[in-house]
Amino acid sequence: MTPQEAYYKAYNSGLRIPKLEPIISKDAQFSYLYAKYVIKGKWELAKPTISKDAQFSYYYAREVIKGKFILAEPTISKNAEYSYYYAREVIKGRFILAEPVISKNTQYSYCYALYVIKGKLPDFMHNQMILENDEYTKLYIEFIK
């Protein structure tokens, strides 16, 4: 049985099925879904698997834990998009570990300045942004004026 099949069996039953949990816990997506829709809370067994996937780590932090997912922060910090969303919606502040990755993406750097920092980016991010000179750089410069 695949993690997907095991998840749907549990989901459709509306019950937690402990004998299926080791199967479900091998897949980040279905582990997150199982925690959210079947367990309706944190799921310790699946944390190591979920923490290896930036997207589902972010979802797990935002929708299940409703707070920081420390174990997953190194993984999330490697993805500019999910780092930005994690900073904005979970941490509700700077995600310093992810700033070097965010700084390489002008779209998320601009959004990070606008919605997380709410002003000028830290110097190294600001300097990287100015070097790029694209549409988000122009929006950023307008924003910090």
N, C-alpha and C. Protein backbone atom coordinates (compact mmCIF):
# COMPACT_ATOMS: atom_id res chain seq x y z
N MET A 1 0.85 -1.19 0.00
CA MET A 1 0.00 0.00 0.00
C MET A 1 0.89 1.24 0.00
N THR A 2 0.51 2.22 -0.82
CA THR A 2 1.28 3.46 -0.90
C THR A 2 0.84 4.43 0.20
N PRO A 3 1.64 5.44 0.48
CA PRO A 3 1.21 6.45 1.45
C PRO A 3 -0.11 7.12 1.05
N GLN A 4 -0.27 7.35 -0.24
CA GLN A 4 -1.51 7.96 -0.73
C GLN A 4 -2.72 7.06 -0.44
N GLU A 5 -2.60 5.79 -0.77
CA GLU A 5 -3.70 4.85 -0.51
C GLU A 5 -4.01 4.75 0.99
N ALA A 6 -2.97 4.69 1.79
CA ALA A 6 -3.15 4.60 3.25
C ALA A 6 -3.83 5.86 3.78
N TYR A 7 -3.39 7.01 3.30
CA TYR A 7 -4.01 8.27 3.73
C TYR A 7 -5.50 8.29 3.39
N TYR A 8 -5.83 7.97 2.14
CA TYR A 8 -7.24 8.02 1.73
C TYR A 8 -8.10 7.00 2.48
N LYS A 9 -7.52 5.87 2.80
CA LYS A 9 -8.27 4.88 3.59
C LYS A 9 -8.62 5.47 4.97
N ALA A 10 -7.65 6.09 5.59
CA ALA A 10 -7.88 6.71 6.90
C ALA A 10 -8.82 7.91 6.78
N TYR A 11 -8.57 8.75 5.80
CA TYR A 11 -9.39 9.94 5.62
C TYR A 11 -10.86 9.56 5.38
N ASN A 12 -11.07 8.61 4.50
CA ASN A 12 -12.45 8.19 4.17
C ASN A 12 -13.14 7.51 5.35
N SER A 13 -12.37 6.89 6.23
CA SER A 13 -12.97 6.27 7.41
C SER A 13 -13.32 7.31 8.48
N GLY A 14 -12.64 8.47 8.39
CA GLY A 14 -12.85 9.52 9.39
C GLY A 14 -12.18 9.22 10.72
N LEU A 15 -11.34 8.19 10.72
CA LEU A 15 -10.69 7.76 11.96
C LEU A 15 -9.19 7.66 11.78
N ARG A 16 -8.52 7.82 12.88
CA ARG A 16 -7.08 7.59 12.91
C ARG A 16 -6.86 6.07 12.88
N ILE A 17 -5.99 5.60 11.98
CA ILE A 17 -5.72 4.17 11.85
C ILE A 17 -4.24 3.94 12.13
N PRO A 18 -3.88 3.62 13.39
CA PRO A 18 -2.47 3.51 13.77
C PRO A 18 -1.64 2.55 12.91
N LYS A 19 -2.22 1.46 12.44
CA LYS A 19 -1.42 0.51 11.65
C LYS A 19 -1.03 1.08 10.28
N LEU A 20 -1.73 2.13 9.82
CA LEU A 20 -1.38 2.77 8.54
C LEU A 20 -0.40 3.93 8.70
N GLU A 21 -0.23 4.39 9.92
CA GLU A 21 0.60 5.58 10.15
C GLU A 21 2.05 5.43 9.72
N PRO A 22 2.69 4.25 9.93
CA PRO A 22 4.07 4.14 9.44
C PRO A 22 4.17 4.26 7.91
N ILE A 23 3.14 3.87 7.20
CA ILE A 23 3.13 3.98 5.74
C ILE A 23 2.93 5.45 5.34
N ILE A 24 1.93 6.09 5.92
CA ILE A 24 1.64 7.49 5.60
C ILE A 24 2.83 8.37 5.93
N SER A 25 3.49 8.08 7.03
CA SER A 25 4.58 8.94 7.52
C SER A 25 5.82 8.93 6.63
N LYS A 26 5.82 8.14 5.59
CA LYS A 26 6.96 8.11 4.65
C LYS A 26 6.85 9.18 3.56
N ASP A 27 5.73 9.89 3.50
CA ASP A 27 5.49 10.88 2.46
C ASP A 27 5.11 12.22 3.10
N ALA A 28 5.81 13.28 2.74
CA ALA A 28 5.57 14.60 3.35
C ALA A 28 4.17 15.13 3.09
N GLN A 29 3.71 15.04 1.86
CA GLN A 29 2.40 15.57 1.53
C GLN A 29 1.29 14.85 2.28
N PHE A 30 1.30 13.52 2.25
CA PHE A 30 0.23 12.79 2.90
C PHE A 30 0.35 12.81 4.42
N SER A 31 1.56 12.98 4.91
CA SER A 31 1.74 13.16 6.35
C SER A 31 1.10 14.47 6.81
N TYR A 32 1.36 15.52 6.06
CA TYR A 32 0.76 16.82 6.37
C TYR A 32 -0.77 16.72 6.33
N LEU A 33 -1.30 16.11 5.25
CA LEU A 33 -2.75 15.98 5.11
C LEU A 33 -3.35 15.15 6.25
N TYR A 34 -2.67 14.08 6.61
CA TYR A 34 -3.15 13.21 7.70
C TYR A 34 -3.18 13.98 9.02
N ALA A 35 -2.13 14.74 9.28
CA ALA A 35 -2.08 15.55 10.50
C ALA A 35 -3.21 16.58 10.51
N LYS A 36 -3.42 17.23 9.38
CA LYS A 36 -4.42 18.30 9.31
C LYS A 36 -5.85 17.77 9.34
N TYR A 37 -6.14 16.75 8.55
CA TYR A 37 -7.54 16.35 8.36
C TYR A 37 -7.98 15.12 9.16
N VAL A 38 -7.03 14.28 9.56
CA VAL A 38 -7.41 13.09 10.32
C VAL A 38 -7.08 13.27 11.80
N ILE A 39 -5.83 13.54 12.09
CA ILE A 39 -5.42 13.75 13.49
C ILE A 39 -5.94 15.10 13.99
N LYS A 40 -5.93 16.08 13.11
CA LYS A 40 -6.34 17.45 13.44
C LYS A 40 -5.43 18.04 14.52
N GLY A 41 -4.12 17.78 14.32
CA GLY A 41 -3.13 18.31 15.25
C GLY A 41 -1.75 17.79 14.91
N LYS A 42 -0.80 18.11 15.76
CA LYS A 42 0.59 17.72 15.56
C LYS A 42 0.72 16.20 15.47
N TRP A 43 1.69 15.77 14.67
CA TRP A 43 1.94 14.34 14.50
C TRP A 43 3.44 14.11 14.57
N GLU A 44 3.91 13.67 15.73
CA GLU A 44 5.34 13.50 15.99
C GLU A 44 6.01 12.54 15.02
N LEU A 45 5.37 11.41 14.72
CA LEU A 45 5.97 10.40 13.85
C LEU A 45 6.36 10.96 12.49
N ALA A 46 5.59 11.89 11.98
CA ALA A 46 5.81 12.40 10.62
C ALA A 46 6.68 13.65 10.54
N LYS A 47 7.00 14.25 11.67
CA LYS A 47 7.77 15.50 11.64
C LYS A 47 9.08 15.38 10.86
N PRO A 48 9.87 14.30 11.05
CA PRO A 48 11.12 14.21 10.27
C PRO A 48 10.89 14.16 8.76
N THR A 49 9.85 13.49 8.32
CA THR A 49 9.55 13.41 6.88
C THR A 49 9.06 14.75 6.36
N ILE A 50 8.11 15.34 7.06
CA ILE A 50 7.57 16.63 6.62
C ILE A 50 8.68 17.67 6.57
N SER A 51 9.57 17.64 7.55
CA SER A 51 10.62 18.66 7.66
C SER A 51 11.62 18.65 6.52
N LYS A 52 11.58 17.64 5.67
CA LYS A 52 12.49 17.57 4.52
C LYS A 52 11.89 18.19 3.27
N ASP A 53 10.68 18.70 3.36
CA ASP A 53 9.98 19.28 2.21
C ASP A 53 9.57 20.72 2.58
N ALA A 54 10.11 21.70 1.86
CA ALA A 54 9.85 23.11 2.20
C ALA A 54 8.36 23.46 2.12
N GLN A 55 7.70 23.03 1.07
CA GLN A 55 6.29 23.38 0.88
C GLN A 55 5.42 22.82 2.00
N PHE A 56 5.54 21.53 2.27
CA PHE A 56 4.66 20.93 3.28
C PHE A 56 5.09 21.27 4.70
N SER A 57 6.36 21.63 4.87
CA SER A 57 6.79 22.14 6.18
C SER A 57 6.12 23.47 6.47
N TYR A 58 6.09 24.32 5.45
CA TYR A 58 5.42 25.61 5.62
C TYR A 58 3.93 25.41 5.93
N TYR A 59 3.27 24.56 5.15
CA TYR A 59 1.84 24.30 5.39
C TYR A 59 1.62 23.72 6.80
N TYR A 60 2.47 22.78 7.19
CA TYR A 60 2.35 22.15 8.50
C TYR A 60 2.51 23.19 9.61
N ALA A 61 3.49 24.07 9.45
CA ALA A 61 3.72 25.14 10.44
C ALA A 61 2.52 26.07 10.51
N ARG A 62 2.04 26.49 9.35
CA ARG A 62 0.94 27.47 9.30
C ARG A 62 -0.39 26.88 9.73
N GLU A 63 -0.71 25.67 9.28
CA GLU A 63 -2.06 25.16 9.45
C GLU A 63 -2.22 24.11 10.54
N VAL A 64 -1.13 23.45 10.92
CA VAL A 64 -1.24 22.41 11.96
C VAL A 64 -0.63 22.91 13.27
N ILE A 65 0.64 23.26 13.22
CA ILE A 65 1.32 23.75 14.44
C ILE A 65 0.81 25.14 14.81
N LYS A 66 0.55 25.94 13.78
CA LYS A 66 0.16 27.35 13.96
C LYS A 66 1.26 28.11 14.69
N GLY A 67 2.48 27.81 14.26
CA GLY A 67 3.66 28.45 14.83
C GLY A 67 4.92 27.90 14.18
N LYS A 68 6.04 28.27 14.73
CA LYS A 68 7.33 27.86 14.17
C LYS A 68 7.49 26.34 14.13
N PHE A 69 8.12 25.87 13.06
CA PHE A 69 8.47 24.46 12.90
C PHE A 69 9.99 24.44 12.82
N ILE A 70 10.63 24.50 13.98
CA ILE A 70 12.09 24.65 14.09
C ILE A 70 12.84 23.56 13.32
N LEU A 71 12.40 22.32 13.44
CA LEU A 71 13.07 21.21 12.75
C LEU A 71 13.14 21.44 11.24
N ALA A 72 12.15 22.11 10.68
CA ALA A 72 12.07 22.30 9.23
C ALA A 72 12.72 23.60 8.75
N GLU A 73 13.11 24.47 9.64
CA GLU A 73 13.62 25.76 9.20
C GLU A 73 14.83 25.67 8.27
N PRO A 74 15.78 24.74 8.49
CA PRO A 74 16.88 24.63 7.51
C PRO A 74 16.39 24.27 6.11
N THR A 75 15.37 23.45 6.01
CA THR A 75 14.81 23.07 4.71
C THR A 75 14.04 24.23 4.10
N ILE A 76 13.17 24.84 4.86
CA ILE A 76 12.39 25.97 4.36
C ILE A 76 13.32 27.08 3.87
N SER A 77 14.40 27.31 4.61
CA SER A 77 15.30 28.43 4.30
C SER A 77 16.04 28.27 2.98
N LYS A 78 15.93 27.13 2.34
CA LYS A 78 16.57 26.91 1.03
C LYS A 78 15.65 27.28 -0.13
N ASN A 79 14.42 27.69 0.19
CA ASN A 79 13.43 28.00 -0.83
C ASN A 79 12.93 29.42 -0.60
N ALA A 80 13.20 30.32 -1.55
CA ALA A 80 12.85 31.72 -1.38
C ALA A 80 11.35 31.94 -1.18
N GLU A 81 10.54 31.25 -1.98
CA GLU A 81 9.09 31.44 -1.89
C GLU A 81 8.55 31.04 -0.53
N TYR A 82 8.85 29.81 -0.10
CA TYR A 82 8.30 29.35 1.17
C TYR A 82 8.96 30.02 2.37
N SER A 83 10.19 30.49 2.21
CA SER A 83 10.83 31.27 3.26
C SER A 83 10.10 32.59 3.47
N TYR A 84 9.76 33.23 2.37
CA TYR A 84 9.02 34.49 2.46
C TYR A 84 7.67 34.26 3.15
N TYR A 85 6.92 33.26 2.70
CA TYR A 85 5.61 33.00 3.31
C TYR A 85 5.73 32.59 4.77
N TYR A 86 6.75 31.80 5.09
CA TYR A 86 6.99 31.38 6.48
C TYR A 86 7.27 32.61 7.35
N ALA A 87 8.10 33.52 6.85
CA ALA A 87 8.41 34.75 7.59
C ALA A 87 7.15 35.60 7.78
N ARG A 88 6.39 35.75 6.71
CA ARG A 88 5.22 36.62 6.76
C ARG A 88 4.07 36.04 7.57
N GLU A 89 3.78 34.76 7.37
CA GLU A 89 2.55 34.20 7.93
C GLU A 89 2.75 33.34 9.19
N VAL A 90 3.96 32.84 9.39
CA VAL A 90 4.20 31.99 10.57
C VAL A 90 5.00 32.75 11.62
N ILE A 91 6.19 33.18 11.24
CA ILE A 91 7.05 33.91 12.19
C ILE A 91 6.50 35.31 12.44
N LYS A 92 5.94 35.91 11.39
CA LYS A 92 5.44 37.28 11.44
C LYS A 92 6.58 38.26 11.77
N GLY A 93 7.71 37.97 11.11
CA GLY A 93 8.90 38.78 11.28
C GLY A 93 10.04 38.21 10.47
N ARG A 94 11.21 38.74 10.67
CA ARG A 94 12.38 38.31 9.89
C ARG A 94 12.68 36.84 10.07
N PHE A 95 13.08 36.22 8.98
CA PHE A 95 13.56 34.84 8.96
C PHE A 95 15.02 34.92 8.52
N ILE A 96 15.88 35.25 9.46
CA ILE A 96 17.28 35.57 9.17
C ILE A 96 18.00 34.42 8.46
N LEU A 97 17.73 33.20 8.86
CA LEU A 97 18.37 32.04 8.22
C LEU A 97 18.11 32.01 6.72
N ALA A 98 16.97 32.49 6.28
CA ALA A 98 16.58 32.42 4.88
C ALA A 98 16.95 33.66 4.07
N GLU A 99 17.38 34.70 4.71
CA GLU A 99 17.63 35.95 3.99
C GLU A 99 18.63 35.82 2.85
N PRO A 100 19.71 35.03 2.97
CA PRO A 100 20.60 34.88 1.82
C PRO A 100 19.90 34.28 0.58
N VAL A 101 18.98 33.37 0.79
CA VAL A 101 18.25 32.76 -0.33
C VAL A 101 17.20 33.73 -0.87
N ILE A 102 16.48 34.37 0.02
CA ILE A 102 15.47 35.35 -0.41
C ILE A 102 16.14 36.45 -1.23
N SER A 103 17.34 36.87 -0.82
CA SER A 103 18.03 37.97 -1.50
C SER A 103 18.37 37.67 -2.95
N LYS A 104 18.35 36.41 -3.34
CA LYS A 104 18.65 36.01 -4.72
C LYS A 104 17.42 36.05 -5.62
N ASN A 105 16.28 36.39 -5.06
CA ASN A 105 15.03 36.43 -5.82
C ASN A 105 14.41 37.80 -5.62
N THR A 106 14.39 38.62 -6.67
CA THR A 106 13.92 40.00 -6.51
C THR A 106 12.44 40.08 -6.15
N GLN A 107 11.62 39.18 -6.68
CA GLN A 107 10.20 39.21 -6.35
C GLN A 107 9.98 39.00 -4.86
N TYR A 108 10.61 37.97 -4.31
CA TYR A 108 10.41 37.70 -2.88
C TYR A 108 11.18 38.67 -2.00
N SER A 109 12.27 39.22 -2.50
CA SER A 109 12.97 40.27 -1.75
C SER A 109 12.08 41.50 -1.61
N TYR A 110 11.43 41.87 -2.71
CA TYR A 110 10.53 43.01 -2.69
C TYR A 110 9.38 42.75 -1.71
N CYS A 111 8.77 41.59 -1.81
CA CYS A 111 7.66 41.24 -0.91
C CYS A 111 8.12 41.19 0.54
N TYR A 112 9.32 40.69 0.76
CA TYR A 112 9.90 40.60 2.10
C TYR A 112 10.07 42.01 2.68
N ALA A 113 10.57 42.94 1.85
CA ALA A 113 10.72 44.33 2.29
C ALA A 113 9.36 44.95 2.61
N LEU A 114 8.40 44.71 1.74
CA LEU A 114 7.08 45.32 1.86
C LEU A 114 6.27 44.78 3.04
N TYR A 115 6.22 43.45 3.18
CA TYR A 115 5.31 42.84 4.15
C TYR A 115 5.95 42.29 5.43
N VAL A 116 7.27 42.04 5.39
CA VAL A 116 7.93 41.50 6.58
C VAL A 116 8.76 42.58 7.25
N ILE A 117 9.70 43.14 6.52
CA ILE A 117 10.57 44.18 7.06
C ILE A 117 9.78 45.50 7.20
N LYS A 118 8.91 45.74 6.25
CA LYS A 118 8.10 46.96 6.19
C LYS A 118 8.98 48.21 6.05
N GLY A 119 10.01 48.03 5.24
CA GLY A 119 10.94 49.12 4.99
C GLY A 119 12.16 48.61 4.22
N LYS A 120 13.24 49.35 4.32
CA LYS A 120 14.48 49.01 3.61
C LYS A 120 15.01 47.66 4.10
N LEU A 121 15.45 46.87 3.13
CA LEU A 121 16.01 45.56 3.45
C LEU A 121 17.34 45.71 4.19
N PRO A 122 17.78 44.66 4.92
CA PRO A 122 19.13 44.68 5.48
C PRO A 122 20.14 44.95 4.36
N ASP A 123 21.24 45.59 4.68
CA ASP A 123 22.19 46.07 3.68
C ASP A 123 22.55 45.04 2.61
N PHE A 124 22.90 43.81 3.01
CA PHE A 124 23.34 42.84 2.00
C PHE A 124 22.20 42.48 1.04
N MET A 125 20.96 42.45 1.54
CA MET A 125 19.81 42.17 0.67
C MET A 125 19.50 43.38 -0.21
N HIS A 126 19.59 44.56 0.38
CA HIS A 126 19.36 45.80 -0.35
C HIS A 126 20.34 45.91 -1.52
N ASN A 127 21.61 45.68 -1.23
CA ASN A 127 22.65 45.78 -2.27
C ASN A 127 22.42 44.77 -3.39
N GLN A 128 22.04 43.56 -3.03
CA GLN A 128 21.76 42.53 -4.04
C GLN A 128 20.56 42.95 -4.90
N MET A 129 19.56 43.50 -4.26
CA MET A 129 18.35 43.93 -4.97
C MET A 129 18.68 45.02 -5.98
N ILE A 130 19.47 45.99 -5.57
CA ILE A 130 19.82 47.11 -6.44
C ILE A 130 20.61 46.63 -7.65
N LEU A 131 21.45 45.63 -7.48
CA LEU A 131 22.25 45.10 -8.58
C LEU A 131 21.40 44.44 -9.67
N GLU A 132 20.26 43.90 -9.30
CA GLU A 132 19.44 43.15 -10.26
C GLU A 132 18.78 44.04 -11.30
N ASN A 133 18.31 45.22 -10.90
CA ASN A 133 17.73 46.19 -11.81
C ASN A 133 16.63 45.60 -12.70
N ASP A 134 15.60 45.06 -12.09
CA ASP A 134 14.45 44.57 -12.84
C ASP A 134 13.19 45.25 -12.33
N GLU A 135 12.02 44.76 -12.73
CA GLU A 135 10.76 45.41 -12.34
C GLU A 135 10.57 45.45 -10.82
N TYR A 136 11.02 44.39 -10.11
CA TYR A 136 10.87 44.37 -8.65
C TYR A 136 11.85 45.33 -7.99
N THR A 137 13.01 45.52 -8.61
CA THR A 137 13.97 46.51 -8.10
C THR A 137 13.35 47.89 -8.16
N LYS A 138 12.70 48.19 -9.28
CA LYS A 138 12.07 49.50 -9.44
C LYS A 138 10.95 49.69 -8.40
N LEU A 139 10.16 48.67 -8.20
CA LEU A 139 9.09 48.75 -7.18
C LEU A 139 9.68 48.94 -5.79
N TYR A 140 10.77 48.22 -5.51
CA TYR A 140 11.44 48.32 -4.21
C TYR A 140 11.97 49.73 -3.97
N ILE A 141 12.65 50.29 -4.97
CA ILE A 141 13.23 51.63 -4.84
C ILE A 141 12.11 52.66 -4.60
N GLU A 142 11.02 52.51 -5.32
CA GLU A 142 9.86 53.39 -5.12
C GLU A 142 9.32 53.25 -3.70
N PHE A 143 9.25 52.03 -3.22
CA PHE A 143 8.71 51.74 -1.89
C PHE A 143 9.56 52.36 -0.77
N ILE A 144 10.89 52.29 -0.89
CA ILE A 144 11.75 52.77 0.21
C ILE A 144 12.01 54.27 0.16
N LYS A 145 11.57 54.94 -0.89
CA LYS A 145 11.79 56.40 -0.99
C LYS A 145 11.10 57.13 0.13
